[in-house]
């Protein structure tokens, strides 16, 4: 369950890109994991596009701390939303 502050942050739109990007570029794997799970996963695609580079870096080149916290796995999960057939069930 998301916190009320996460619920609010998700509504901010593109002004949220830079602050979230700073977290995703930081060194704290736990903080990145929580940010992805409580905020990033819920962002609309227009906002998510502004974080795509950070998410790809985390998915493809995670730090040891990121691996330990499974940030790379969470980033890959969010990146699936960029796939053309996302959400299409055959």
PDB file of N, CA and C in Angstrom:
ATOM      1  N   UNK A   1       0.836  -1.172   0.000  1.00  0.00           N
ATOM      2  CA  UNK A   1       0.000   0.000   0.000  1.00  0.00           C
ATOM      3  C   UNK A   1       0.889   1.246   0.000  1.00  0.00           C
ATOM      4  N   UNK A   2       0.609   2.156  -0.915  1.00  0.00           N
ATOM      5  CA  UNK A   2       1.407   3.376  -1.025  1.00  0.00           C
ATOM      6  C   UNK A   2       1.035   4.354   0.079  1.00  0.00           C
ATOM      7  N   UNK A   3       1.997   5.144   0.443  1.00  0.00           N
ATOM      8  CA  UNK A   3       1.734   6.156   1.462  1.00  0.00           C
ATOM      9  C   UNK A   3       1.000   7.345   0.833  1.00  0.00           C
ATOM     10  N   UNK A   4       0.332   8.142   1.641  1.00  0.00           N
ATOM     11  CA  UNK A   4      -0.358   9.326   1.110  1.00  0.00           C
ATOM     12  C   UNK A   4       0.592  10.268   0.369  1.00  0.00           C
ATOM     13  N   UNK A   5       1.833  10.374   0.844  1.00  0.00           N
ATOM     14  CA  UNK A   5       2.784  11.265   0.161  1.00  0.00           C
ATOM     15  C   UNK A   5       3.135  10.708  -1.221  1.00  0.00           C
ATOM     16  N   UNK A   6       3.293   9.404  -1.344  1.00  0.00           N
ATOM     17  CA  UNK A   6       3.561   8.801  -2.657  1.00  0.00           C
ATOM     18  C   UNK A   6       2.362   9.011  -3.575  1.00  0.00           C
ATOM     19  N   UNK A   7       1.166   8.864  -3.022  1.00  0.00           N
ATOM     20  CA  UNK A   7      -0.047   9.114  -3.810  1.00  0.00           C
ATOM     21  C   UNK A   7      -0.036  10.533  -4.363  1.00  0.00           C
ATOM     22  N   UNK A   8       0.359  11.482  -3.550  1.00  0.00           N
ATOM     23  CA  UNK A   8       0.422  12.873  -3.981  1.00  0.00           C
ATOM     24  C   UNK A   8       1.522  13.083  -5.020  1.00  0.00           C
ATOM     25  N   UNK A   9       2.708  12.564  -4.761  1.00  0.00           N
ATOM     26  CA  UNK A   9       3.841  12.770  -5.665  1.00  0.00           C
ATOM     27  C   UNK A   9       3.549  12.267  -7.079  1.00  0.00           C
ATOM     28  N   UNK A  10       2.861  11.160  -7.181  1.00  0.00           N
ATOM     29  CA  UNK A  10       2.536  10.584  -8.489  1.00  0.00           C
ATOM     30  C   UNK A  10       1.697  11.560  -9.318  1.00  0.00           C
ATOM     31  N   UNK A  11       0.961  12.438  -8.670  1.00  0.00           N
ATOM     32  CA  UNK A  11       0.093  13.377  -9.391  1.00  0.00           C
ATOM     33  C   UNK A  11       0.832  14.608  -9.912  1.00  0.00           C
ATOM     34  N   UNK A  12       2.087  14.786  -9.535  1.00  0.00           N
ATOM     35  CA  UNK A  12       2.804  16.022  -9.876  1.00  0.00           C
ATOM     36  C   UNK A  12       3.241  16.110 -11.338  1.00  0.00           C
ATOM     37  N   UNK A  13       3.330  14.995 -12.011  1.00  0.00           N
ATOM     38  CA  UNK A  13       3.706  15.021 -13.421  1.00  0.00           C
ATOM     39  C   UNK A  13       5.182  15.292 -13.653  1.00  0.00           C
ATOM     40  N   UNK A  14       5.482  16.003 -14.741  1.00  0.00           N
ATOM     41  CA  UNK A  14       6.871  16.193 -15.157  1.00  0.00           C
ATOM     42  C   UNK A  14       7.757  16.914 -14.135  1.00  0.00           C
ATOM     43  N   UNK A  15       7.248  17.773 -13.251  1.00  0.00           N
ATOM     44  CA  UNK A  15       8.140  18.360 -12.243  1.00  0.00           C
ATOM     45  C   UNK A  15       8.777  17.301 -11.324  1.00  0.00           C
ATOM     46  N   UNK A  16       8.251  16.115 -11.337  1.00  0.00           N
ATOM     47  CA  UNK A  16       8.786  15.048 -10.484  1.00  0.00           C
ATOM     48  C   UNK A  16      10.024  14.375 -11.098  1.00  0.00           C
ATOM     49  N   UNK A  17      10.240  14.573 -12.401  1.00  0.00           N
ATOM     50  CA  UNK A  17      11.325  13.867 -13.093  1.00  0.00           C
ATOM     51  C   UNK A  17      12.687  14.142 -12.458  1.00  0.00           C
ATOM     52  N   UNK A  18      13.071  15.394 -12.292  1.00  0.00           N
ATOM     53  CA  UNK A  18      14.409  15.697 -11.762  1.00  0.00           C
ATOM     54  C   UNK A  18      14.640  15.177 -10.344  1.00  0.00           C
ATOM     55  N   UNK A  19      13.715  15.391  -9.413  1.00  0.00           N
ATOM     56  CA  UNK A  19      13.953  14.842  -8.067  1.00  0.00           C
ATOM     57  C   UNK A  19      14.055  13.309  -8.047  1.00  0.00           C
ATOM     58  N   UNK A  20      13.209  12.639  -8.818  1.00  0.00           N
ATOM     59  CA  UNK A  20      13.277  11.178  -8.862  1.00  0.00           C
ATOM     60  C   UNK A  20      14.570  10.733  -9.535  1.00  0.00           C
ATOM     61  N   UNK A  21      14.961  11.421 -10.589  1.00  0.00           N
ATOM     62  CA  UNK A  21      16.212  11.095 -11.274  1.00  0.00           C
ATOM     63  C   UNK A  21      17.406  11.190 -10.323  1.00  0.00           C
ATOM     64  N   UNK A  22      17.420  12.217  -9.474  1.00  0.00           N
ATOM     65  CA  UNK A  22      18.519  12.351  -8.494  1.00  0.00           C
ATOM     66  C   UNK A  22      18.567  11.152  -7.559  1.00  0.00           C
ATOM     67  N   UNK A  23      17.416  10.662  -7.149  1.00  0.00           N
ATOM     68  CA  UNK A  23      17.382   9.470  -6.287  1.00  0.00           C
ATOM     69  C   UNK A  23      17.914   8.262  -7.051  1.00  0.00           C
ATOM     70  N   UNK A  24      17.448   8.076  -8.288  1.00  0.00           N
ATOM     71  CA  UNK A  24      17.866   6.922  -9.076  1.00  0.00           C
ATOM     72  C   UNK A  24      19.348   6.969  -9.432  1.00  0.00           C
ATOM     73  N   UNK A  25      19.937   8.145  -9.449  1.00  0.00           N
ATOM     74  CA  UNK A  25      21.367   8.290  -9.726  1.00  0.00           C
ATOM     75  C   UNK A  25      22.215   8.236  -8.460  1.00  0.00           C
ATOM     76  N   UNK A  26      21.565   8.179  -7.319  1.00  0.00           N
ATOM     77  CA  UNK A  26      22.270   8.178  -6.042  1.00  0.00           C
ATOM     78  C   UNK A  26      22.927   6.836  -5.725  1.00  0.00           C
ATOM     79  N   UNK A  27      23.409   6.721  -4.527  1.00  0.00           N
ATOM     80  CA  UNK A  27      24.144   5.526  -4.103  1.00  0.00           C
ATOM     81  C   UNK A  27      23.352   4.600  -3.186  1.00  0.00           C
ATOM     82  N   UNK A  28      22.191   5.027  -2.742  1.00  0.00           N
ATOM     83  CA  UNK A  28      21.408   4.270  -1.762  1.00  0.00           C
ATOM     84  C   UNK A  28      20.424   3.328  -2.462  1.00  0.00           C
ATOM     85  N   UNK A  29      20.770   2.050  -2.545  1.00  0.00           N
ATOM     86  CA  UNK A  29      19.938   1.055  -3.214  1.00  0.00           C
ATOM     87  C   UNK A  29      18.568   0.903  -2.575  1.00  0.00           C
ATOM     88  N   UNK A  30      18.507   0.982  -1.269  1.00  0.00           N
ATOM     89  CA  UNK A  30      17.223   0.862  -0.582  1.00  0.00           C
ATOM     90  C   UNK A  30      16.307   2.019  -0.952  1.00  0.00           C
ATOM     91  N   UNK A  31      16.858   3.208  -0.975  1.00  0.00           N
ATOM     92  CA  UNK A  31      16.065   4.386  -1.337  1.00  0.00           C
ATOM     93  C   UNK A  31      15.573   4.267  -2.783  1.00  0.00           C
ATOM     94  N   UNK A  32      16.435   3.792  -3.690  1.00  0.00           N
ATOM     95  CA  UNK A  32      16.039   3.606  -5.094  1.00  0.00           C
ATOM     96  C   UNK A  32      14.910   2.590  -5.195  1.00  0.00           C
ATOM     97  N   UNK A  33      15.045   1.479  -4.470  1.00  0.00           N
ATOM     98  CA  UNK A  33      14.019   0.427  -4.522  1.00  0.00           C
ATOM     99  C   UNK A  33      12.670   0.983  -4.083  1.00  0.00           C
ATOM    100  N   UNK A  34      12.658   1.711  -2.980  1.00  0.00           N
ATOM    101  CA  UNK A  34      11.403   2.276  -2.474  1.00  0.00           C
ATOM    102  C   UNK A  34      10.838   3.316  -3.439  1.00  0.00           C
ATOM    103  N   UNK A  35      11.685   4.118  -4.026  1.00  0.00           N
ATOM    104  CA  UNK A  35      11.238   5.130  -4.976  1.00  0.00           C
ATOM    105  C   UNK A  35      10.592   4.461  -6.197  1.00  0.00           C
ATOM    106  N   UNK A  36      11.229   3.436  -6.731  1.00  0.00           N
ATOM    107  CA  UNK A  36      10.668   2.725  -7.886  1.00  0.00           C
ATOM    108  C   UNK A  36       9.342   2.083  -7.521  1.00  0.00           C
ATOM    109  N   UNK A  37       9.296   1.427  -6.377  1.00  0.00           N
ATOM    110  CA  UNK A  37       8.086   0.695  -5.994  1.00  0.00           C
ATOM    111  C   UNK A  37       6.929   1.578  -5.562  1.00  0.00           C
ATOM    112  N   UNK A  38       7.203   2.684  -4.932  1.00  0.00           N
ATOM    113  CA  UNK A  38       6.096   3.504  -4.440  1.00  0.00           C
ATOM    114  C   UNK A  38       5.699   4.615  -5.398  1.00  0.00           C
ATOM    115  N   UNK A  39       6.612   5.034  -6.280  1.00  0.00           N
ATOM    116  CA  UNK A  39       6.320   6.165  -7.158  1.00  0.00           C
ATOM    117  C   UNK A  39       6.481   5.810  -8.638  1.00  0.00           C
ATOM    118  N   UNK A  40       7.675   5.409  -9.032  1.00  0.00           N
ATOM    119  CA  UNK A  40       7.997   5.235 -10.458  1.00  0.00           C
ATOM    120  C   UNK A  40       7.052   4.265 -11.146  1.00  0.00           C
ATOM    121  N   UNK A  41       6.741   3.157 -10.524  1.00  0.00           N
ATOM    122  CA  UNK A  41       5.852   2.171 -11.142  1.00  0.00           C
ATOM    123  C   UNK A  41       4.465   2.732 -11.437  1.00  0.00           C
ATOM    124  N   UNK A  42       4.092   3.785 -10.778  1.00  0.00           N
ATOM    125  CA  UNK A  42       2.740   4.334 -10.910  1.00  0.00           C
ATOM    126  C   UNK A  42       2.679   5.565 -11.814  1.00  0.00           C
ATOM    127  N   UNK A  43       3.811   6.003 -12.338  1.00  0.00           N
ATOM    128  CA  UNK A  43       3.844   7.207 -13.145  1.00  0.00           C
ATOM    129  C   UNK A  43       3.255   6.979 -14.530  1.00  0.00           C
ATOM    130  N   UNK A  44       2.610   8.004 -15.085  1.00  0.00           N
ATOM    131  CA  UNK A  44       2.130   7.887 -16.461  1.00  0.00           C
ATOM    132  C   UNK A  44       3.321   7.869 -17.432  1.00  0.00           C
ATOM    133  N   UNK A  45       3.099   7.341 -18.626  1.00  0.00           N
ATOM    134  CA  UNK A  45       4.184   7.162 -19.595  1.00  0.00           C
ATOM    135  C   UNK A  45       4.890   8.466 -19.942  1.00  0.00           C
ATOM    136  N   UNK A  46       4.183   9.580 -20.048  1.00  0.00           N
ATOM    137  CA  UNK A  46       4.849  10.835 -20.415  1.00  0.00           C
ATOM    138  C   UNK A  46       5.891  11.236 -19.369  1.00  0.00           C
ATOM    139  N   UNK A  47       5.655  10.952 -18.124  1.00  0.00           N
ATOM    140  CA  UNK A  47       6.618  11.234 -17.061  1.00  0.00           C
ATOM    141  C   UNK A  47       7.697  10.152 -17.039  1.00  0.00           C
ATOM    142  N   UNK A  48       7.297   8.928 -17.195  1.00  0.00           N
ATOM    143  CA  UNK A  48       8.226   7.799 -17.163  1.00  0.00           C
ATOM    144  C   UNK A  48       9.297   7.923 -18.244  1.00  0.00           C
ATOM    145  N   UNK A  49       8.931   8.476 -19.392  1.00  0.00           N
ATOM    146  CA  UNK A  49       9.912   8.654 -20.471  1.00  0.00           C
ATOM    147  C   UNK A  49      11.092   9.512 -20.021  1.00  0.00           C
ATOM    148  N   UNK A  50      10.853  10.450 -19.138  1.00  0.00           N
ATOM    149  CA  UNK A  50      11.926  11.291 -18.618  1.00  0.00           C
ATOM    150  C   UNK A  50      12.874  10.565 -17.680  1.00  0.00           C
ATOM    151  N   UNK A  51      12.491   9.372 -17.252  1.00  0.00           N
ATOM    152  CA  UNK A  51      13.320   8.570 -16.347  1.00  0.00           C
ATOM    153  C   UNK A  51      13.886   7.327 -17.029  1.00  0.00           C
ATOM    154  N   UNK A  52      13.582   7.158 -18.299  1.00  0.00           N
ATOM    155  CA  UNK A  52      13.977   5.934 -19.007  1.00  0.00           C
ATOM    156  C   UNK A  52      15.485   5.703 -18.972  1.00  0.00           C
ATOM    157  N   UNK A  53      16.273   6.732 -19.195  1.00  0.00           N
ATOM    158  CA  UNK A  53      17.733   6.580 -19.190  1.00  0.00           C
ATOM    159  C   UNK A  53      18.232   6.075 -17.833  1.00  0.00           C
ATOM    160  N   UNK A  54      17.725   6.651 -16.755  1.00  0.00           N
ATOM    161  CA  UNK A  54      18.130   6.212 -15.414  1.00  0.00           C
ATOM    162  C   UNK A  54      17.716   4.765 -15.169  1.00  0.00           C
ATOM    163  N   UNK A  55      16.514   4.418 -15.585  1.00  0.00           N
ATOM    164  CA  UNK A  55      16.021   3.048 -15.384  1.00  0.00           C
ATOM    165  C   UNK A  55      16.844   2.041 -16.193  1.00  0.00           C
ATOM    166  N   UNK A  56      17.195   2.393 -17.422  1.00  0.00           N
ATOM    167  CA  UNK A  56      18.019   1.487 -18.241  1.00  0.00           C
ATOM    168  C   UNK A  56      19.400   1.292 -17.630  1.00  0.00           C
ATOM    169  N   UNK A  57      19.963   2.375 -17.111  1.00  0.00           N
ATOM    170  CA  UNK A  57      21.281   2.269 -16.465  1.00  0.00           C
ATOM    171  C   UNK A  57      21.198   1.335 -15.250  1.00  0.00           C
ATOM    172  N   UNK A  58      20.157   1.481 -14.445  1.00  0.00           N
ATOM    173  CA  UNK A  58      19.988   0.623 -13.271  1.00  0.00           C
ATOM    174  C   UNK A  58      19.763  -0.832 -13.678  1.00  0.00           C
ATOM    175  N   UNK A  59      19.019  -1.043 -14.738  1.00  0.00           N
ATOM    176  CA  UNK A  59      18.734  -2.405 -15.189  1.00  0.00           C
ATOM    177  C   UNK A  59      19.970  -3.063 -15.795  1.00  0.00           C
ATOM    178  N   UNK A  60      20.749  -2.295 -16.555  1.00  0.00           N
ATOM    179  CA  UNK A  60      21.885  -2.864 -17.295  1.00  0.00           C
ATOM    180  C   UNK A  60      23.211  -2.810 -16.552  1.00  0.00           C
ATOM    181  N   UNK A  61      23.384  -1.820 -15.683  1.00  0.00           N
ATOM    182  CA  UNK A  61      24.668  -1.637 -14.990  1.00  0.00           C
ATOM    183  C   UNK A  61      24.456  -1.306 -13.513  1.00  0.00           C
ATOM    184  N   UNK A  62      23.796  -2.187 -12.783  1.00  0.00           N
ATOM    185  CA  UNK A  62      23.533  -1.890 -11.360  1.00  0.00           C
ATOM    186  C   UNK A  62      24.807  -1.956 -10.518  1.00  0.00           C
ATOM    187  N   UNK A  63      24.840  -1.162  -9.483  1.00  0.00           N
ATOM    188  CA  UNK A  63      25.939  -1.256  -8.521  1.00  0.00           C
ATOM    189  C   UNK A  63      25.719  -2.526  -7.681  1.00  0.00           C
ATOM    190  N   UNK A  64      26.685  -2.848  -6.887  1.00  0.00           N
ATOM    191  CA  UNK A  64      26.556  -4.016  -6.000  1.00  0.00           C
ATOM    192  C   UNK A  64      25.384  -3.813  -5.042  1.00  0.00           C
ATOM    193  N   UNK A  65      25.259  -2.604  -4.505  1.00  0.00           N
ATOM    194  CA  UNK A  65      24.146  -2.301  -3.596  1.00  0.00           C
ATOM    195  C   UNK A  65      22.808  -2.405  -4.327  1.00  0.00           C
ATOM    196  N   UNK A  66      22.768  -1.926  -5.570  1.00  0.00           N
ATOM    197  CA  UNK A  66      21.535  -2.031  -6.356  1.00  0.00           C
ATOM    198  C   UNK A  66      21.156  -3.496  -6.570  1.00  0.00           C
ATOM    199  N   UNK A  67      22.125  -4.334  -6.860  1.00  0.00           N
ATOM    200  CA  UNK A  67      21.847  -5.773  -7.046  1.00  0.00           C
ATOM    201  C   UNK A  67      21.315  -6.387  -5.749  1.00  0.00           C
ATOM    202  N   UNK A  68      21.970  -6.048  -4.653  1.00  0.00           N
ATOM    203  CA  UNK A  68      21.576  -6.592  -3.349  1.00  0.00           C
ATOM    204  C   UNK A  68      20.127  -6.209  -3.015  1.00  0.00           C
ATOM    205  N   UNK A  69      19.750  -4.996  -3.380  1.00  0.00           N
ATOM    206  CA  UNK A  69      18.393  -4.509  -3.101  1.00  0.00           C
ATOM    207  C   UNK A  69      17.411  -4.838  -4.223  1.00  0.00           C
ATOM    208  N   UNK A  70      17.896  -5.511  -5.268  1.00  0.00           N
ATOM    209  CA  UNK A  70      17.098  -5.911  -6.439  1.00  0.00           C
ATOM    210  C   UNK A  70      16.518  -4.714  -7.189  1.00  0.00           C
ATOM    211  N   UNK A  71      17.263  -3.616  -7.184  1.00  0.00           N
ATOM    212  CA  UNK A  71      16.862  -2.423  -7.923  1.00  0.00           C
ATOM    213  C   UNK A  71      16.868  -2.701  -9.419  1.00  0.00           C
ATOM    214  N   UNK A  72      17.843  -3.490  -9.874  1.00  0.00           N
ATOM    215  CA  UNK A  72      17.924  -3.827 -11.308  1.00  0.00           C
ATOM    216  C   UNK A  72      16.676  -4.582 -11.765  1.00  0.00           C
ATOM    217  N   UNK A  73      16.184  -5.464 -10.943  1.00  0.00           N
ATOM    218  CA  UNK A  73      14.976  -6.241 -11.276  1.00  0.00           C
ATOM    219  C   UNK A  73      13.769  -5.307 -11.347  1.00  0.00           C
ATOM    220  N   UNK A  74      13.652  -4.423 -10.373  1.00  0.00           N
ATOM    221  CA  UNK A  74      12.531  -3.483 -10.356  1.00  0.00           C
ATOM    222  C   UNK A  74      12.590  -2.539 -11.554  1.00  0.00           C
ATOM    223  N   UNK A  75      13.794  -2.082 -11.900  1.00  0.00           N
ATOM    224  CA  UNK A  75      13.941  -1.189 -13.055  1.00  0.00           C
ATOM    225  C   UNK A  75      13.526  -1.909 -14.338  1.00  0.00           C
ATOM    226  N   UNK A  76      13.937  -3.172 -14.489  1.00  0.00           N
ATOM    227  CA  UNK A  76      13.541  -3.944 -15.680  1.00  0.00           C
ATOM    228  C   UNK A  76      12.031  -4.105 -15.758  1.00  0.00           C
ATOM    229  N   UNK A  77      11.416  -4.322 -14.627  1.00  0.00           N
ATOM    230  CA  UNK A  77       9.961  -4.476 -14.593  1.00  0.00           C
ATOM    231  C   UNK A  77       9.263  -3.204 -15.102  1.00  0.00           C
ATOM    232  N   UNK A  78       9.734  -2.053 -14.667  1.00  0.00           N
ATOM    233  CA  UNK A  78       9.157  -0.795 -15.130  1.00  0.00           C
ATOM    234  C   UNK A  78       9.432  -0.598 -16.621  1.00  0.00           C
ATOM    235  N   UNK A  79      10.623  -0.969 -17.071  1.00  0.00           N
ATOM    236  CA  UNK A  79      10.984  -0.798 -18.481  1.00  0.00           C
ATOM    237  C   UNK A  79      10.108  -1.628 -19.412  1.00  0.00           C
ATOM    238  N   UNK A  80       9.496  -2.675 -18.916  1.00  0.00           N
ATOM    239  CA  UNK A  80       8.577  -3.478 -19.744  1.00  0.00           C
ATOM    240  C   UNK A  80       7.416  -2.634 -20.255  1.00  0.00           C
ATOM    241  N   UNK A  81       7.106  -1.569 -19.555  1.00  0.00           N
ATOM    242  CA  UNK A  81       6.019  -0.693 -20.004  1.00  0.00           C
ATOM    243  C   UNK A  81       6.347   0.004 -21.317  1.00  0.00           C
ATOM    244  N   UNK A  82       7.628   0.074 -21.686  1.00  0.00           N
ATOM    245  CA  UNK A  82       8.036   0.714 -22.929  1.00  0.00           C
ATOM    246  C   UNK A  82       7.900  -0.227 -24.130  1.00  0.00           C
ATOM    247  N   UNK A  83       7.693  -1.499 -23.876  1.00  0.00           N
ATOM    248  CA  UNK A  83       7.571  -2.458 -24.961  1.00  0.00           C
ATOM    249  C   UNK A  83       6.242  -2.251 -25.686  1.00  0.00           C
ATOM    250  N   UNK A  84       6.267  -2.341 -27.019  1.00  0.00           N
ATOM    251  CA  UNK A  84       5.056  -2.062 -27.804  1.00  0.00           C
ATOM    252  C   UNK A  84       3.870  -2.943 -27.447  1.00  0.00           C
ATOM    253  N   UNK A  85       4.109  -4.173 -27.064  1.00  0.00           N
ATOM    254  CA  UNK A  85       2.999  -5.078 -26.781  1.00  0.00           C
ATOM    255  C   UNK A  85       2.657  -5.165 -25.301  1.00  0.00           C
ATOM    256  N   UNK A  86       3.155  -4.201 -24.521  1.00  0.00           N
ATOM    257  CA  UNK A  86       2.895  -4.199 -23.076  1.00  0.00           C
ATOM    258  C   UNK A  86       1.389  -4.193 -22.825  1.00  0.00           C
ATOM    259  N   UNK A  87       0.976  -5.123 -22.034  1.00  0.00           N
ATOM    260  CA  UNK A  87      -0.431  -5.180 -21.653  1.00  0.00           C
ATOM    261  C   UNK A  87      -1.308  -5.936 -22.621  1.00  0.00           C
ATOM    262  N   UNK A  88      -0.757  -6.331 -23.763  1.00  0.00           N
ATOM    263  CA  UNK A  88      -1.551  -7.052 -24.742  1.00  0.00           C
ATOM    264  C   UNK A  88      -1.433  -8.544 -24.459  1.00  0.00           C
ATOM    265  N   UNK A  89      -2.560  -9.187 -24.240  1.00  0.00           N
ATOM    266  CA  UNK A  89      -2.561 -10.618 -23.956  1.00  0.00           C
ATOM    267  C   UNK A  89      -3.082 -11.355 -25.164  1.00  0.00           C
ATOM    268  N   UNK A  90      -2.333 -12.344 -25.570  1.00  0.00           N
ATOM    269  CA  UNK A  90      -2.730 -13.150 -26.731  1.00  0.00           C
ATOM    270  C   UNK A  90      -3.370 -14.442 -26.298  1.00  0.00           C
TER     271      UNK A  90
END
